[in-house]
């Protein structure tokens, strides 16, 4: 290690001596010119490297990365089974009542539709064709499928089947309540098999 250090020091001394001799032969005016040239060269090189680095930031990474557009997920299908209240109403009347927020032209004010009121008091306006395609008026003898009957029961309605013997027979959803065991055997709405365990006590 000591020999390498001595060798390096000798090379430094030799280079320093040669530079001093070369600079000693140059006039002060030439020295100033050399310094200015070197300053401009290294200064320009530094500016070029800085600007080039800033300009190329992210470009190489962008070439490697493949950006994919976000794909919209397919929408699921839903079936609506709800009971609402409705009355005929034009689009112009709906706008005056605040059911439609967007502005409409004069030729659209007579467009036919329905004012609807759903549960919880939510009100809106629906075009005639869309409403009549989605809903039908519920009358006393309106035939409905089993699924619609279940939905009517959930909403507090009563359902009866045509052909049932007996006047006034119907099905409705019972309000949750606590029933004492001594009352259950007296309930006519329950079958005997359901009342038997309580009758034998």
N, C-alpha and C. Protein backbone atom coordinates (compact mmCIF):
# COMPACT_ATOMS: atom_id res chain seq x y z
N UNK A 1 0.83 -1.20 0.00
CA UNK A 1 0.00 0.00 0.00
C UNK A 1 0.87 1.26 0.00
N UNK A 2 1.99 1.21 0.78
CA UNK A 2 2.86 2.38 0.87
C UNK A 2 3.50 2.69 -0.48
N UNK A 3 3.85 1.65 -1.22
CA UNK A 3 4.48 1.85 -2.54
C UNK A 3 3.48 2.46 -3.52
N UNK A 4 2.21 1.99 -3.46
CA UNK A 4 1.19 2.56 -4.36
C UNK A 4 0.94 4.02 -4.04
N UNK A 5 0.92 4.35 -2.74
CA UNK A 5 0.68 5.74 -2.36
C UNK A 5 1.81 6.63 -2.84
N UNK A 6 3.05 6.17 -2.71
CA UNK A 6 4.20 6.96 -3.17
C UNK A 6 4.15 7.15 -4.68
N UNK A 7 3.71 6.08 -5.39
CA UNK A 7 3.62 6.17 -6.85
C UNK A 7 2.57 7.19 -7.28
N UNK A 8 1.44 7.18 -6.59
CA UNK A 8 0.38 8.13 -6.93
C UNK A 8 0.82 9.56 -6.65
N UNK A 9 1.53 9.76 -5.53
CA UNK A 9 2.01 11.10 -5.20
C UNK A 9 3.02 11.59 -6.24
N UNK A 10 3.86 10.69 -6.74
CA UNK A 10 4.82 11.07 -7.77
C UNK A 10 4.12 11.49 -9.06
N UNK A 11 3.06 10.72 -9.44
CA UNK A 11 2.32 11.06 -10.66
C UNK A 11 1.64 12.42 -10.50
N UNK A 12 1.08 12.69 -9.31
CA UNK A 12 0.43 13.98 -9.08
C UNK A 12 1.43 15.13 -9.14
N UNK A 13 2.62 14.91 -8.56
CA UNK A 13 3.65 15.97 -8.59
C UNK A 13 4.10 16.22 -10.02
N UNK A 14 4.24 15.15 -10.79
CA UNK A 14 4.69 15.31 -12.19
C UNK A 14 3.63 16.07 -13.01
N UNK A 15 2.36 15.71 -12.84
CA UNK A 15 1.30 16.38 -13.57
C UNK A 15 1.19 17.84 -13.16
N UNK A 16 1.36 18.11 -11.85
CA UNK A 16 1.28 19.49 -11.37
C UNK A 16 2.42 20.32 -11.93
N UNK A 17 3.60 19.72 -11.98
CA UNK A 17 4.76 20.44 -12.51
C UNK A 17 4.58 20.75 -13.99
N UNK A 18 4.06 19.78 -14.77
CA UNK A 18 3.85 20.01 -16.20
C UNK A 18 2.82 21.10 -16.44
N UNK A 19 1.73 21.12 -15.65
CA UNK A 19 0.69 22.14 -15.82
C UNK A 19 1.23 23.53 -15.48
N UNK A 20 2.05 23.59 -14.43
CA UNK A 20 2.61 24.89 -14.05
C UNK A 20 3.53 25.42 -15.16
N UNK A 21 4.32 24.52 -15.75
CA UNK A 21 5.21 24.97 -16.84
C UNK A 21 4.41 25.45 -18.04
N UNK A 22 3.30 24.69 -18.37
CA UNK A 22 2.48 25.08 -19.53
C UNK A 22 1.78 26.42 -19.27
N UNK A 23 1.27 26.58 -18.06
CA UNK A 23 0.59 27.83 -17.74
C UNK A 23 1.57 29.00 -17.66
N UNK A 24 2.84 28.67 -17.25
CA UNK A 24 3.82 29.75 -17.17
C UNK A 24 4.19 30.29 -18.52
N UNK A 25 4.08 29.50 -19.57
CA UNK A 25 4.41 29.97 -20.92
C UNK A 25 3.27 30.78 -21.55
N UNK A 26 2.01 30.68 -20.97
CA UNK A 26 0.84 31.38 -21.54
C UNK A 26 0.74 32.77 -20.93
N UNK A 27 0.45 33.73 -21.77
CA UNK A 27 0.30 35.11 -21.31
C UNK A 27 -0.99 35.25 -20.50
N UNK A 28 -1.08 36.27 -19.63
CA UNK A 28 -2.31 36.47 -18.83
C UNK A 28 -3.58 36.59 -19.68
N UNK A 29 -3.49 37.19 -20.86
CA UNK A 29 -4.68 37.31 -21.71
C UNK A 29 -5.17 35.96 -22.21
N UNK A 30 -4.20 35.10 -22.57
CA UNK A 30 -4.58 33.76 -23.04
C UNK A 30 -5.14 32.91 -21.90
N UNK A 31 -4.57 33.10 -20.70
CA UNK A 31 -5.09 32.36 -19.55
C UNK A 31 -6.58 32.68 -19.33
N UNK A 32 -6.88 34.00 -19.39
CA UNK A 32 -8.27 34.41 -19.21
C UNK A 32 -9.18 33.83 -20.29
N UNK A 33 -8.67 33.78 -21.53
CA UNK A 33 -9.46 33.23 -22.63
C UNK A 33 -9.73 31.74 -22.42
N UNK A 34 -8.68 31.01 -21.96
CA UNK A 34 -8.84 29.58 -21.72
C UNK A 34 -9.86 29.33 -20.62
N UNK A 35 -9.78 30.13 -19.55
CA UNK A 35 -10.72 29.97 -18.43
C UNK A 35 -12.16 30.22 -18.89
N UNK A 36 -12.37 31.29 -19.70
CA UNK A 36 -13.72 31.60 -20.17
C UNK A 36 -14.27 30.51 -21.08
N UNK A 37 -13.40 29.96 -21.96
CA UNK A 37 -13.83 28.89 -22.86
C UNK A 37 -14.24 27.66 -22.07
N UNK A 38 -13.40 27.30 -21.09
CA UNK A 38 -13.73 26.12 -20.27
C UNK A 38 -15.01 26.36 -19.46
N UNK A 39 -15.18 27.59 -18.95
CA UNK A 39 -16.39 27.91 -18.18
C UNK A 39 -17.64 27.78 -19.05
N UNK A 40 -17.56 28.33 -20.28
CA UNK A 40 -18.72 28.24 -21.18
C UNK A 40 -19.00 26.80 -21.59
N UNK A 41 -17.94 26.03 -21.84
CA UNK A 41 -18.13 24.65 -22.28
C UNK A 41 -18.80 23.80 -21.19
N UNK A 42 -18.20 23.85 -19.98
CA UNK A 42 -18.77 23.02 -18.89
C UNK A 42 -20.12 23.55 -18.42
N UNK A 43 -20.29 24.89 -18.47
CA UNK A 43 -21.59 25.45 -18.11
C UNK A 43 -22.68 25.03 -19.09
N UNK A 44 -22.37 25.08 -20.39
CA UNK A 44 -23.34 24.64 -21.40
C UNK A 44 -23.64 23.16 -21.30
N UNK A 45 -22.59 22.36 -21.01
CA UNK A 45 -22.79 20.92 -20.86
C UNK A 45 -23.69 20.62 -19.66
N UNK A 46 -23.50 21.36 -18.56
CA UNK A 46 -24.31 21.16 -17.37
C UNK A 46 -25.78 21.51 -17.64
N UNK A 47 -26.00 22.62 -18.36
CA UNK A 47 -27.39 23.02 -18.68
C UNK A 47 -28.05 22.00 -19.59
N UNK A 48 -27.29 21.49 -20.57
CA UNK A 48 -27.84 20.49 -21.50
C UNK A 48 -28.26 19.22 -20.76
N UNK A 49 -27.39 18.74 -19.85
CA UNK A 49 -27.69 17.51 -19.11
C UNK A 49 -28.92 17.71 -18.23
N UNK A 50 -29.01 18.89 -17.59
CA UNK A 50 -30.15 19.16 -16.70
C UNK A 50 -31.46 19.20 -17.48
N UNK A 51 -31.48 19.96 -18.59
CA UNK A 51 -32.70 20.09 -19.39
C UNK A 51 -33.09 18.75 -20.00
N UNK A 52 -32.11 18.00 -20.50
CA UNK A 52 -32.38 16.70 -21.10
C UNK A 52 -32.96 15.72 -20.08
N UNK A 53 -32.45 15.76 -18.86
CA UNK A 53 -32.96 14.86 -17.83
C UNK A 53 -34.40 15.18 -17.48
N UNK A 54 -34.70 16.50 -17.36
CA UNK A 54 -36.07 16.90 -17.04
C UNK A 54 -37.02 16.52 -18.17
N UNK A 55 -36.59 16.71 -19.41
CA UNK A 55 -37.44 16.43 -20.56
C UNK A 55 -37.77 14.94 -20.67
N UNK A 56 -36.81 14.08 -20.31
CA UNK A 56 -36.99 12.64 -20.48
C UNK A 56 -37.56 11.94 -19.24
N UNK A 57 -37.92 12.73 -18.21
CA UNK A 57 -38.49 12.10 -17.01
C UNK A 57 -39.78 11.37 -17.37
N UNK A 58 -39.87 10.11 -17.04
CA UNK A 58 -41.09 9.32 -17.25
C UNK A 58 -41.29 8.81 -18.66
N UNK A 59 -40.47 9.27 -19.63
CA UNK A 59 -40.69 8.81 -21.01
C UNK A 59 -40.34 7.34 -21.19
N UNK A 60 -39.25 6.95 -20.64
CA UNK A 60 -38.87 5.54 -20.79
C UNK A 60 -39.81 4.63 -20.03
N UNK A 61 -40.22 5.08 -18.84
CA UNK A 61 -41.18 4.27 -18.08
C UNK A 61 -42.51 4.18 -18.81
N UNK A 62 -42.90 5.28 -19.47
CA UNK A 62 -44.15 5.29 -20.21
C UNK A 62 -44.13 4.33 -21.39
N UNK A 63 -42.97 4.14 -21.97
CA UNK A 63 -42.88 3.18 -23.08
C UNK A 63 -43.02 1.76 -22.60
N UNK A 64 -42.50 1.49 -21.38
CA UNK A 64 -42.59 0.12 -20.87
C UNK A 64 -43.97 -0.20 -20.34
N UNK A 65 -44.62 0.81 -19.76
CA UNK A 65 -45.94 0.58 -19.19
C UNK A 65 -47.01 0.68 -20.25
N UNK A 66 -47.92 -0.22 -20.25
CA UNK A 66 -49.05 -0.19 -21.16
C UNK A 66 -50.29 0.17 -20.36
N UNK A 67 -50.76 1.39 -20.57
CA UNK A 67 -51.91 1.88 -19.82
C UNK A 67 -53.17 1.40 -20.51
N UNK A 68 -54.01 0.69 -19.76
CA UNK A 68 -55.26 0.18 -20.29
C UNK A 68 -56.41 1.03 -19.78
N UNK A 69 -57.38 1.27 -20.65
CA UNK A 69 -58.55 2.02 -20.24
C UNK A 69 -59.40 1.18 -19.29
N UNK A 70 -60.00 1.86 -18.32
CA UNK A 70 -60.86 1.17 -17.36
C UNK A 70 -62.11 0.69 -18.07
N UNK A 71 -62.36 -0.59 -17.97
CA UNK A 71 -63.52 -1.17 -18.62
C UNK A 71 -64.72 -1.11 -17.68
N UNK A 72 -65.83 -0.70 -18.23
CA UNK A 72 -67.05 -0.61 -17.44
C UNK A 72 -67.60 -2.01 -17.17
N UNK A 73 -67.86 -2.28 -15.91
CA UNK A 73 -68.40 -3.58 -15.55
C UNK A 73 -69.81 -3.73 -16.07
N UNK A 74 -70.19 -4.92 -16.53
CA UNK A 74 -71.56 -5.11 -17.03
C UNK A 74 -72.57 -4.91 -15.91
N UNK A 75 -73.63 -4.19 -16.23
CA UNK A 75 -74.66 -3.90 -15.24
C UNK A 75 -75.54 -5.14 -15.02
N UNK A 76 -75.93 -5.36 -13.76
CA UNK A 76 -76.78 -6.48 -13.43
C UNK A 76 -78.23 -6.15 -13.75
N UNK A 77 -79.03 -7.17 -13.91
CA UNK A 77 -80.45 -7.01 -14.20
C UNK A 77 -81.25 -7.14 -12.91
N UNK A 78 -82.25 -6.28 -12.79
CA UNK A 78 -83.11 -6.29 -11.61
C UNK A 78 -84.58 -6.30 -12.04
N UNK A 79 -85.42 -6.90 -11.23
CA UNK A 79 -86.86 -6.92 -11.48
C UNK A 79 -87.52 -6.14 -10.36
N UNK A 80 -88.34 -5.17 -10.73
CA UNK A 80 -89.01 -4.34 -9.74
C UNK A 80 -90.39 -4.91 -9.42
N UNK A 81 -90.68 -5.09 -8.15
CA UNK A 81 -92.01 -5.50 -7.71
C UNK A 81 -92.39 -4.61 -6.54
N UNK A 82 -93.02 -3.50 -6.83
CA UNK A 82 -93.42 -2.58 -5.78
C UNK A 82 -94.80 -2.00 -6.11
N UNK A 83 -95.47 -1.59 -5.07
CA UNK A 83 -96.81 -1.03 -5.21
C UNK A 83 -96.71 0.48 -5.03
N UNK A 84 -97.28 1.23 -5.97
CA UNK A 84 -97.21 2.69 -5.90
C UNK A 84 -98.59 3.28 -6.15
N UNK A 85 -98.72 4.56 -5.89
CA UNK A 85 -99.92 5.32 -6.24
C UNK A 85 -99.59 6.21 -7.43
N UNK A 86 -100.56 6.41 -8.32
CA UNK A 86 -100.28 7.19 -9.52
C UNK A 86 -101.54 7.88 -10.01
N UNK A 87 -101.33 8.97 -10.74
CA UNK A 87 -102.42 9.70 -11.38
C UNK A 87 -101.89 10.28 -12.69
N UNK A 88 -102.72 10.40 -13.73
CA UNK A 88 -102.27 10.98 -14.99
C UNK A 88 -101.81 12.43 -14.79
N UNK A 89 -100.73 12.81 -15.46
CA UNK A 89 -100.21 14.18 -15.36
C UNK A 89 -99.31 14.46 -16.55
N UNK A 90 -99.44 15.64 -17.15
CA UNK A 90 -98.58 16.01 -18.28
C UNK A 90 -97.21 16.43 -17.76
N UNK A 91 -96.26 16.48 -18.69
CA UNK A 91 -94.90 16.87 -18.32
C UNK A 91 -94.86 18.32 -17.85
N UNK A 92 -95.68 19.18 -18.46
CA UNK A 92 -95.72 20.57 -18.04
C UNK A 92 -96.19 20.72 -16.60
N UNK A 93 -97.23 19.98 -16.24
CA UNK A 93 -97.73 20.02 -14.86
C UNK A 93 -96.67 19.48 -13.89
N UNK A 94 -95.96 18.44 -14.31
CA UNK A 94 -94.91 17.88 -13.47
C UNK A 94 -93.80 18.90 -13.22
N UNK A 95 -93.46 19.69 -14.24
CA UNK A 95 -92.43 20.73 -14.07
C UNK A 95 -92.90 21.81 -13.10
N UNK A 96 -94.16 22.20 -13.21
CA UNK A 96 -94.68 23.24 -12.32
C UNK A 96 -94.73 22.77 -10.87
N UNK A 97 -94.91 21.48 -10.66
CA UNK A 97 -94.94 20.93 -9.30
C UNK A 97 -93.54 20.58 -8.79
N UNK A 98 -92.53 20.74 -9.64
CA UNK A 98 -91.17 20.45 -9.21
C UNK A 98 -90.78 19.00 -9.27
N UNK A 99 -91.57 18.17 -9.97
CA UNK A 99 -91.25 16.75 -10.07
C UNK A 99 -90.17 16.49 -11.12
N UNK A 100 -90.03 17.42 -12.08
CA UNK A 100 -89.01 17.32 -13.13
C UNK A 100 -88.11 18.54 -13.01
N UNK A 101 -86.82 18.32 -12.84
CA UNK A 101 -85.90 19.42 -12.60
C UNK A 101 -85.36 20.05 -13.89
N UNK A 102 -85.26 19.27 -14.96
CA UNK A 102 -84.68 19.78 -16.20
C UNK A 102 -85.66 20.68 -16.93
N UNK A 103 -85.12 21.59 -17.75
CA UNK A 103 -85.96 22.49 -18.53
C UNK A 103 -86.53 21.74 -19.74
N UNK A 104 -87.75 22.11 -20.13
CA UNK A 104 -88.41 21.46 -21.27
C UNK A 104 -88.88 22.53 -22.24
N UNK A 105 -89.05 22.12 -23.49
CA UNK A 105 -89.57 23.05 -24.50
C UNK A 105 -91.09 23.14 -24.44
N UNK A 106 -91.63 24.14 -25.11
CA UNK A 106 -93.08 24.33 -25.10
C UNK A 106 -93.82 23.15 -25.73
N UNK A 107 -93.20 22.53 -26.75
CA UNK A 107 -93.85 21.41 -27.43
C UNK A 107 -93.86 20.15 -26.56
N UNK A 108 -93.06 20.12 -25.48
CA UNK A 108 -93.03 18.94 -24.62
C UNK A 108 -93.96 19.06 -23.41
N UNK A 109 -94.51 20.25 -23.19
CA UNK A 109 -95.31 20.46 -21.98
C UNK A 109 -96.59 19.62 -21.97
N UNK A 110 -97.08 19.23 -23.14
CA UNK A 110 -98.31 18.43 -23.22
C UNK A 110 -98.04 16.93 -23.25
N UNK A 111 -96.79 16.54 -23.09
CA UNK A 111 -96.46 15.12 -23.13
C UNK A 111 -97.15 14.40 -21.99
N UNK A 112 -97.81 13.29 -22.30
CA UNK A 112 -98.59 12.56 -21.30
C UNK A 112 -97.69 11.69 -20.42
N UNK A 113 -98.12 11.53 -19.19
CA UNK A 113 -97.38 10.70 -18.26
C UNK A 113 -98.15 10.50 -16.98
N UNK A 114 -97.45 10.12 -15.92
CA UNK A 114 -98.10 9.84 -14.64
C UNK A 114 -97.28 10.43 -13.50
N UNK A 115 -97.99 10.99 -12.57
CA UNK A 115 -97.42 11.43 -11.30
C UNK A 115 -97.45 10.23 -10.36
N UNK A 116 -96.31 9.80 -9.86
CA UNK A 116 -96.24 8.59 -9.04
C UNK A 116 -95.79 8.94 -7.63
N UNK A 117 -96.30 8.17 -6.67
CA UNK A 117 -95.90 8.31 -5.27
C UNK A 117 -95.61 6.92 -4.73
N UNK A 118 -94.36 6.69 -4.37
CA UNK A 118 -93.95 5.38 -3.85
C UNK A 118 -93.96 5.42 -2.33
N UNK A 119 -93.54 4.30 -1.75
CA UNK A 119 -93.48 4.26 -0.28
C UNK A 119 -92.49 5.29 0.22
N UNK A 120 -92.63 5.68 1.44
CA UNK A 120 -91.85 6.72 2.09
C UNK A 120 -92.13 8.11 1.50
N UNK A 121 -93.19 8.23 0.66
CA UNK A 121 -93.59 9.52 0.15
C UNK A 121 -92.78 10.05 -1.02
N UNK A 122 -91.93 9.23 -1.62
CA UNK A 122 -91.12 9.70 -2.76
C UNK A 122 -92.01 9.88 -3.99
N UNK A 123 -91.97 11.08 -4.60
CA UNK A 123 -92.81 11.40 -5.74
C UNK A 123 -91.95 11.70 -6.97
N UNK A 124 -92.46 11.30 -8.13
CA UNK A 124 -91.74 11.55 -9.38
C UNK A 124 -92.73 11.54 -10.54
N UNK A 125 -92.20 11.73 -11.74
CA UNK A 125 -93.03 11.72 -12.95
C UNK A 125 -92.45 10.71 -13.92
N UNK A 126 -93.34 9.95 -14.57
CA UNK A 126 -92.90 8.91 -15.50
C UNK A 126 -93.66 9.06 -16.81
N UNK A 127 -93.00 8.92 -17.97
CA UNK A 127 -93.71 8.99 -19.26
C UNK A 127 -94.78 7.90 -19.36
N UNK A 128 -95.82 8.19 -20.11
CA UNK A 128 -96.98 7.31 -20.21
C UNK A 128 -96.60 5.91 -20.70
N UNK A 129 -95.83 5.83 -21.77
CA UNK A 129 -95.49 4.53 -22.33
C UNK A 129 -94.68 3.69 -21.35
N UNK A 130 -93.70 4.32 -20.70
CA UNK A 130 -92.85 3.59 -19.75
C UNK A 130 -93.66 3.15 -18.54
N UNK A 131 -94.54 4.01 -18.05
CA UNK A 131 -95.33 3.68 -16.87
C UNK A 131 -96.28 2.52 -17.15
N UNK A 132 -97.01 2.61 -18.26
CA UNK A 132 -98.01 1.58 -18.55
C UNK A 132 -97.36 0.25 -18.92
N UNK A 133 -96.12 0.30 -19.35
CA UNK A 133 -95.40 -0.95 -19.63
C UNK A 133 -94.92 -1.61 -18.34
N UNK A 134 -94.66 -0.80 -17.30
CA UNK A 134 -94.10 -1.33 -16.06
C UNK A 134 -95.15 -1.60 -14.99
N UNK A 135 -96.29 -0.89 -15.04
CA UNK A 135 -97.28 -1.01 -13.98
C UNK A 135 -98.66 -1.30 -14.58
N UNK A 136 -99.54 -1.82 -13.74
CA UNK A 136 -100.94 -1.99 -14.10
C UNK A 136 -101.79 -1.66 -12.87
N UNK A 137 -102.96 -1.16 -13.13
CA UNK A 137 -103.80 -0.70 -12.03
C UNK A 137 -104.27 -1.89 -11.20
N UNK A 138 -104.22 -1.70 -9.90
CA UNK A 138 -104.66 -2.75 -8.98
C UNK A 138 -106.13 -2.52 -8.67
N UNK A 139 -106.98 -3.43 -9.12
CA UNK A 139 -108.40 -3.37 -8.82
C UNK A 139 -108.74 -4.51 -7.87
N UNK A 140 -109.98 -4.58 -7.48
CA UNK A 140 -110.39 -5.58 -6.49
C UNK A 140 -110.17 -7.00 -7.00
N UNK A 141 -110.36 -7.21 -8.30
CA UNK A 141 -110.24 -8.56 -8.86
C UNK A 141 -109.08 -8.66 -9.84
N UNK A 142 -108.04 -7.86 -9.63
CA UNK A 142 -106.89 -7.89 -10.54
C UNK A 142 -106.12 -9.19 -10.38
N UNK A 143 -105.99 -10.00 -11.45
CA UNK A 143 -105.21 -11.25 -11.33
C UNK A 143 -103.71 -10.95 -11.28
N UNK A 144 -103.01 -11.57 -10.37
CA UNK A 144 -101.57 -11.37 -10.24
C UNK A 144 -100.90 -12.73 -10.05
N UNK A 145 -99.61 -12.76 -10.34
CA UNK A 145 -98.86 -14.01 -10.17
C UNK A 145 -98.48 -14.18 -8.70
N UNK A 146 -97.93 -15.36 -8.38
CA UNK A 146 -97.61 -15.67 -6.99
C UNK A 146 -96.56 -14.71 -6.42
N UNK A 147 -95.54 -14.38 -7.24
CA UNK A 147 -94.50 -13.46 -6.76
C UNK A 147 -95.05 -12.09 -6.45
N UNK A 148 -95.95 -11.58 -7.32
CA UNK A 148 -96.58 -10.28 -7.06
C UNK A 148 -97.46 -10.34 -5.82
N UNK A 149 -98.12 -11.48 -5.61
CA UNK A 149 -98.97 -11.63 -4.42
C UNK A 149 -98.14 -11.55 -3.15
N UNK A 150 -96.96 -12.16 -3.16
CA UNK A 150 -96.08 -12.10 -2.00
C UNK A 150 -95.66 -10.65 -1.73
N UNK A 151 -95.37 -9.92 -2.81
CA UNK A 151 -94.95 -8.53 -2.65
C UNK A 151 -96.09 -7.67 -2.10
N UNK A 152 -97.31 -7.93 -2.55
CA UNK A 152 -98.47 -7.20 -2.03
C UNK A 152 -98.64 -7.48 -0.53
N UNK A 153 -98.43 -8.73 -0.13
CA UNK A 153 -98.53 -9.07 1.28
C UNK A 153 -97.45 -8.36 2.11
N UNK A 154 -96.24 -8.28 1.56
CA UNK A 154 -95.17 -7.59 2.28
C UNK A 154 -95.49 -6.13 2.49
N UNK A 155 -96.21 -5.54 1.54
CA UNK A 155 -96.54 -4.12 1.63
C UNK A 155 -97.83 -3.86 2.40
N UNK A 156 -98.37 -4.88 3.03
CA UNK A 156 -99.53 -4.70 3.88
C UNK A 156 -100.86 -4.92 3.21
N UNK A 157 -100.87 -5.44 1.99
CA UNK A 157 -102.12 -5.70 1.29
C UNK A 157 -102.72 -7.04 1.65
N UNK A 158 -103.89 -7.30 1.11
CA UNK A 158 -104.58 -8.58 1.32
C UNK A 158 -104.80 -9.25 -0.03
N UNK A 159 -104.70 -10.56 -0.06
CA UNK A 159 -104.83 -11.33 -1.30
C UNK A 159 -105.83 -12.45 -1.08
N UNK A 160 -106.63 -12.69 -2.10
CA UNK A 160 -107.53 -13.85 -2.04
C UNK A 160 -107.55 -14.52 -3.40
N UNK A 161 -107.85 -15.79 -3.39
CA UNK A 161 -107.84 -16.58 -4.62
C UNK A 161 -109.26 -16.81 -5.10
N UNK A 162 -109.45 -16.59 -6.38
CA UNK A 162 -110.79 -16.82 -6.94
C UNK A 162 -111.11 -18.32 -6.85
N UNK A 163 -112.32 -18.65 -6.44
CA UNK A 163 -112.69 -20.05 -6.30
C UNK A 163 -112.65 -20.56 -4.88
N UNK A 164 -112.10 -19.74 -3.95
CA UNK A 164 -112.10 -20.16 -2.56
C UNK A 164 -113.54 -20.19 -2.04
N UNK A 165 -113.88 -21.24 -1.35
CA UNK A 165 -115.21 -21.33 -0.74
C UNK A 165 -115.26 -20.47 0.52
N UNK A 166 -116.36 -19.84 0.72
CA UNK A 166 -116.49 -19.00 1.90
C UNK A 166 -116.36 -17.54 1.56
N UNK A 167 -117.20 -16.73 2.11
CA UNK A 167 -117.21 -15.30 1.82
C UNK A 167 -116.18 -14.59 2.70
N UNK A 168 -115.42 -13.72 2.07
CA UNK A 168 -114.47 -12.90 2.82
C UNK A 168 -113.17 -13.59 3.17
N UNK A 169 -112.88 -14.76 2.59
CA UNK A 169 -111.60 -15.41 2.87
C UNK A 169 -110.47 -14.65 2.19
N UNK A 170 -109.39 -14.45 2.90
CA UNK A 170 -108.24 -13.72 2.34
C UNK A 170 -106.98 -14.12 3.08
N UNK A 171 -105.86 -13.71 2.51
CA UNK A 171 -104.56 -13.93 3.13
C UNK A 171 -103.91 -12.57 3.33
N UNK A 172 -103.33 -12.35 4.49
CA UNK A 172 -102.62 -11.10 4.75
C UNK A 172 -101.46 -11.38 5.69
N UNK A 173 -100.54 -10.47 5.71
CA UNK A 173 -99.35 -10.63 6.54
C UNK A 173 -99.70 -10.27 7.97
N UNK A 174 -99.40 -11.19 8.87
CA UNK A 174 -99.72 -10.95 10.27
C UNK A 174 -98.68 -10.03 10.90
N UNK A 175 -99.16 -9.07 11.64
CA UNK A 175 -98.26 -8.16 12.34
C UNK A 175 -97.58 -8.92 13.47
N UNK A 176 -96.25 -8.83 13.59
CA UNK A 176 -95.58 -9.56 14.67
C UNK A 176 -96.16 -9.19 16.03
N UNK A 177 -96.54 -10.18 16.82
CA UNK A 177 -97.11 -9.95 18.14
C UNK A 177 -96.85 -11.16 19.02
N UNK A 178 -96.85 -10.91 20.31
CA UNK A 178 -96.66 -12.00 21.26
C UNK A 178 -98.03 -12.59 21.61
N UNK A 179 -98.18 -13.89 21.38
CA UNK A 179 -99.45 -14.57 21.64
C UNK A 179 -99.24 -15.56 22.77
N UNK A 180 -100.06 -15.47 23.79
CA UNK A 180 -99.95 -16.38 24.93
C UNK A 180 -100.33 -17.80 24.52
N UNK A 181 -99.76 -18.77 25.20
CA UNK A 181 -99.99 -20.18 24.85
C UNK A 181 -101.44 -20.61 25.06
N UNK A 182 -102.17 -19.95 25.95
CA UNK A 182 -103.56 -20.35 26.19
C UNK A 182 -104.50 -19.81 25.11
N UNK A 183 -104.01 -18.85 24.30
CA UNK A 183 -104.85 -18.30 23.23
C UNK A 183 -104.69 -19.12 21.95
N UNK A 184 -103.53 -19.73 21.75
CA UNK A 184 -103.26 -20.45 20.51
C UNK A 184 -104.29 -21.54 20.24
N UNK A 185 -104.71 -22.37 21.20
CA UNK A 185 -105.72 -23.40 20.90
C UNK A 185 -107.07 -22.84 20.44
N UNK A 186 -107.34 -21.57 20.75
CA UNK A 186 -108.62 -20.97 20.38
C UNK A 186 -108.57 -20.25 19.03
N UNK A 187 -107.40 -20.17 18.40
CA UNK A 187 -107.27 -19.45 17.12
C UNK A 187 -107.78 -20.32 15.99
N UNK A 188 -108.78 -19.80 15.26
CA UNK A 188 -109.36 -20.55 14.15
C UNK A 188 -108.50 -20.51 12.90
N UNK A 189 -107.54 -19.56 12.85
CA UNK A 189 -106.70 -19.45 11.65
C UNK A 189 -105.59 -20.49 11.61
N UNK A 190 -105.36 -21.21 12.72
CA UNK A 190 -104.30 -22.21 12.77
C UNK A 190 -104.86 -23.61 12.57
N UNK A 191 -104.13 -24.47 11.88
CA UNK A 191 -104.58 -25.86 11.74
C UNK A 191 -104.49 -26.59 13.07
N UNK A 192 -105.22 -27.69 13.17
CA UNK A 192 -105.28 -28.45 14.42
C UNK A 192 -103.91 -29.01 14.80
N UNK A 193 -103.10 -29.36 13.78
CA UNK A 193 -101.77 -29.91 14.08
C UNK A 193 -100.89 -28.89 14.78
N UNK A 194 -101.10 -27.59 14.49
CA UNK A 194 -100.30 -26.55 15.13
C UNK A 194 -100.79 -26.27 16.55
N UNK A 195 -102.10 -26.49 16.79
CA UNK A 195 -102.66 -26.20 18.11
C UNK A 195 -102.55 -27.38 19.08
N UNK A 196 -102.31 -28.59 18.56
CA UNK A 196 -102.34 -29.78 19.40
C UNK A 196 -101.29 -29.73 20.54
N UNK A 197 -100.03 -29.34 20.27
CA UNK A 197 -99.05 -29.33 21.39
C UNK A 197 -99.47 -28.43 22.54
N UNK A 198 -100.21 -27.37 22.26
CA UNK A 198 -100.64 -26.45 23.32
C UNK A 198 -101.92 -26.95 24.00
N UNK A 199 -102.74 -27.73 23.26
CA UNK A 199 -103.97 -28.24 23.85
C UNK A 199 -103.70 -29.36 24.84
N UNK A 200 -102.59 -30.08 24.64
CA UNK A 200 -102.30 -31.25 25.50
C UNK A 200 -101.62 -30.85 26.80
N UNK A 201 -101.27 -29.59 26.97
CA UNK A 201 -100.58 -29.16 28.20
C UNK A 201 -101.57 -29.13 29.38
